[in-house]
Amino acid sequence: MNWIKPIIKGLAMAAVPVKLLDKGIDHAKHEFREEIGHYGVKLKMMVLLGSAFMIMLIFLSVTLALVLGQWIGSLAGGFAIIAGTFLMVFFSLLMAYKDQLQEK
């Protein structure tokens, strides 16, 4: 039975680095979860603010189209002017960032 003690002692010494490695992995997992959680909160805030901005933009556009439609005497004309304005802004941005869009 004397020969078992050195084997058990050797196995116990071999388990020490494994325990340290497990602690390191657990610590890394914990830090990773915290980091992901932080970015998750930022992403949720960006989605919330972006949604609020889009709703505000839609309501302002409809209001402006209705006002322009009354002013020029044609409701469809007011919506056409607003739609044309959005198309001009879209194509202007498309031309301004054409090089950057082609790189990707």
C-alpha atoms as a PDB file:
ATOM      1  CA  MET A   1       0.000   0.000   0.000  1.00  0.00           C
ATOM      2  CA  ASN A   2       3.010   2.263   0.267  1.00  0.00           C
ATOM      3  CA  TRP A   3       3.233   2.599  -3.481  1.00  0.00           C
ATOM      4  CA  ILE A   4      -0.269   4.196  -3.667  1.00  0.00           C
ATOM      5  CA  LYS A   5       0.675   7.281  -1.609  1.00  0.00           C
ATOM      6  CA  PRO A   6       3.119   8.709  -4.192  1.00  0.00           C
ATOM      7  CA  ILE A   7       0.604   8.124  -6.988  1.00  0.00           C
ATOM      8  CA  ILE A   8      -2.145   9.891  -5.047  1.00  0.00           C
ATOM      9  CA  LYS A   9       0.237  12.728  -4.185  1.00  0.00           C
ATOM     10  CA  GLY A  10       1.269  13.032  -7.839  1.00  0.00           C
ATOM     11  CA  LEU A  11      -2.349  13.093  -8.971  1.00  0.00           C
ATOM     12  CA  ALA A  12      -3.156  15.734  -6.358  1.00  0.00           C
ATOM     13  CA  MET A  13      -0.283  17.898  -7.595  1.00  0.00           C
ATOM     14  CA  ALA A  14      -1.462  17.451 -11.187  1.00  0.00           C
ATOM     15  CA  ALA A  15      -4.951  18.591 -10.184  1.00  0.00           C
ATOM     16  CA  VAL A  16      -3.704  21.942  -8.822  1.00  0.00           C
ATOM     17  CA  PRO A  17      -3.018  23.498 -12.274  1.00  0.00           C
ATOM     18  CA  VAL A  18      -6.359  22.171 -13.500  1.00  0.00           C
ATOM     19  CA  LYS A  19      -8.125  23.933 -10.617  1.00  0.00           C
ATOM     20  CA  LEU A  20      -6.242  27.145 -11.374  1.00  0.00           C
ATOM     21  CA  LEU A  21      -7.125  26.809 -15.046  1.00  0.00           C
ATOM     22  CA  ASP A  22     -10.790  26.260 -14.157  1.00  0.00           C
ATOM     23  CA  LYS A  23     -10.736  29.382 -11.978  1.00  0.00           C
ATOM     24  CA  GLY A  24      -9.203  31.349 -14.849  1.00  0.00           C
ATOM     25  CA  ILE A  25     -11.804  30.078 -17.296  1.00  0.00           C
ATOM     26  CA  ASP A  26     -14.623  30.873 -14.871  1.00  0.00           C
ATOM     27  CA  HIS A  27     -13.230  34.367 -14.368  1.00  0.00           C
ATOM     28  CA  ALA A  28     -12.948  34.893 -18.127  1.00  0.00           C
ATOM     29  CA  LYS A  29     -16.514  33.666 -18.620  1.00  0.00           C
ATOM     30  CA  HIS A  30     -17.748  36.061 -15.937  1.00  0.00           C
ATOM     31  CA  GLU A  31     -15.929  39.025 -17.526  1.00  0.00           C
ATOM     32  CA  PHE A  32     -17.222  38.040 -20.975  1.00  0.00           C
ATOM     33  CA  ARG A  33     -20.799  37.903 -19.689  1.00  0.00           C
ATOM     34  CA  GLU A  34     -20.417  41.334 -18.088  1.00  0.00           C
ATOM     35  CA  GLU A  35     -19.008  42.764 -21.326  1.00  0.00           C
ATOM     36  CA  ILE A  36     -21.779  41.241 -23.423  1.00  0.00           C
ATOM     37  CA  GLY A  37     -24.353  42.519 -20.953  1.00  0.00           C
ATOM     38  CA  HIS A  38     -22.910  46.018 -21.230  1.00  0.00           C
ATOM     39  CA  TYR A  39     -23.141  45.954 -25.023  1.00  0.00           C
ATOM     40  CA  GLY A  40     -26.618  44.455 -24.799  1.00  0.00           C
ATOM     41  CA  VAL A  41     -27.802  47.460 -22.797  1.00  0.00           C
ATOM     42  CA  LYS A  42     -26.214  49.840 -25.317  1.00  0.00           C
ATOM     43  CA  LEU A  43     -27.835  47.979 -28.209  1.00  0.00           C
ATOM     44  CA  LYS A  44     -31.253  48.106 -26.566  1.00  0.00           C
ATOM     45  CA  MET A  45     -30.900  51.853 -25.984  1.00  0.00           C
ATOM     46  CA  MET A  46     -29.868  52.427 -29.605  1.00  0.00           C
ATOM     47  CA  VAL A  47     -32.842  50.422 -30.879  1.00  0.00           C
ATOM     48  CA  LEU A  48     -35.192  52.297 -28.552  1.00  0.00           C
ATOM     49  CA  LEU A  49     -33.858  55.715 -29.561  1.00  0.00           C
ATOM     50  CA  GLY A  50     -33.821  54.771 -33.245  1.00  0.00           C
ATOM     51  CA  SER A  51     -37.422  53.586 -33.071  1.00  0.00           C
ATOM     52  CA  ALA A  52     -38.504  56.768 -31.306  1.00  0.00           C
ATOM     53  CA  PHE A  53     -36.723  58.852 -33.945  1.00  0.00           C
ATOM     54  CA  MET A  54     -38.362  56.936 -36.806  1.00  0.00           C
ATOM     55  CA  ILE A  55     -41.847  57.324 -35.298  1.00  0.00           C
ATOM     56  CA  MET A  56     -41.213  61.038 -34.784  1.00  0.00           C
ATOM     57  CA  LEU A  57     -39.979  61.373 -38.380  1.00  0.00           C
ATOM     58  CA  ILE A  58     -43.047  59.588 -39.752  1.00  0.00           C
ATOM     59  CA  PHE A  59     -45.477  61.774 -37.807  1.00  0.00           C
ATOM     60  CA  LEU A  60     -43.639  64.965 -38.728  1.00  0.00           C
ATOM     61  CA  SER A  61     -43.566  63.941 -42.396  1.00  0.00           C
ATOM     62  CA  VAL A  62     -47.290  63.195 -42.473  1.00  0.00           C
ATOM     63  CA  THR A  63     -48.041  66.476 -40.700  1.00  0.00           C
ATOM     64  CA  LEU A  64     -45.866  68.423 -43.114  1.00  0.00           C
ATOM     65  CA  ALA A  65     -47.449  66.646 -46.094  1.00  0.00           C
ATOM     66  CA  LEU A  66     -50.937  67.510 -44.849  1.00  0.00           C
ATOM     67  CA  VAL A  67     -49.976  71.165 -44.303  1.00  0.00           C
ATOM     68  CA  LEU A  68     -48.322  71.402 -47.725  1.00  0.00           C
ATOM     69  CA  GLY A  69     -51.309  69.655 -49.295  1.00  0.00           C
ATOM     70  CA  GLN A  70     -53.699  72.232 -47.862  1.00  0.00           C
ATOM     71  CA  TRP A  71     -51.405  75.076 -48.860  1.00  0.00           C
ATOM     72  CA  ILE A  72     -51.112  73.994 -52.515  1.00  0.00           C
ATOM     73  CA  GLY A  73     -54.680  72.705 -52.682  1.00  0.00           C
ATOM     74  CA  SER A  74     -53.879  69.051 -53.363  1.00  0.00           C
ATOM     75  CA  LEU A  75     -53.426  66.489 -50.604  1.00  0.00           C
ATOM     76  CA  ALA A  76     -51.672  64.091 -52.972  1.00  0.00           C
ATOM     77  CA  GLY A  77     -49.373  66.905 -54.066  1.00  0.00           C
ATOM     78  CA  GLY A  78     -48.269  67.500 -50.474  1.00  0.00           C
ATOM     79  CA  PHE A  79     -47.406  63.837 -50.027  1.00  0.00           C
ATOM     80  CA  ALA A  80     -45.641  63.824 -53.410  1.00  0.00           C
ATOM     81  CA  ILE A  81     -43.486  66.799 -52.388  1.00  0.00           C
ATOM     82  CA  ILE A  82     -42.482  65.101 -49.131  1.00  0.00           C
ATOM     83  CA  ALA A  83     -41.790  61.799 -50.920  1.00  0.00           C
ATOM     84  CA  GLY A  84     -39.702  63.629 -53.512  1.00  0.00           C
ATOM     85  CA  THR A  85     -37.752  65.378 -50.777  1.00  0.00           C
ATOM     86  CA  PHE A  86     -36.982  62.052 -49.104  1.00  0.00           C
ATOM     87  CA  LEU A  87     -35.895  60.581 -52.452  1.00  0.00           C
ATOM     88  CA  MET A  88     -33.583  63.539 -53.116  1.00  0.00           C
ATOM     89  CA  VAL A  89     -32.011  63.172 -49.649  1.00  0.00           C
ATOM     90  CA  PHE A  90     -31.609  59.418 -50.196  1.00  0.00           C
ATOM     91  CA  PHE A  91     -29.929  59.814 -53.592  1.00  0.00           C
ATOM     92  CA  SER A  92     -27.737  62.656 -52.304  1.00  0.00           C
ATOM     93  CA  LEU A  93     -26.489  60.455 -49.467  1.00  0.00           C
ATOM     94  CA  LEU A  94     -26.043  57.577 -51.888  1.00  0.00           C
ATOM     95  CA  MET A  95     -23.851  59.705 -54.164  1.00  0.00           C
ATOM     96  CA  ALA A  96     -21.913  61.200 -51.245  1.00  0.00           C
ATOM     97  CA  TYR A  97     -21.024  57.783 -49.783  1.00  0.00           C
ATOM     98  CA  LYS A  98     -20.791  55.853 -53.059  1.00  0.00           C
ATOM     99  CA  ASP A  99     -17.079  55.108 -52.674  1.00  0.00           C
ATOM    100  CA  GLN A 100     -17.461  53.792 -49.140  1.00  0.00           C
ATOM    101  CA  LEU A 101     -20.381  51.597 -50.154  1.00  0.00           C
ATOM    102  CA  GLN A 102     -18.440  50.077 -53.063  1.00  0.00           C
ATOM    103  CA  GLU A 103     -15.476  49.160 -50.826  1.00  0.00           C
ATOM    104  CA  LYS A 104     -17.560  46.778 -48.746  1.00  0.00           C
END
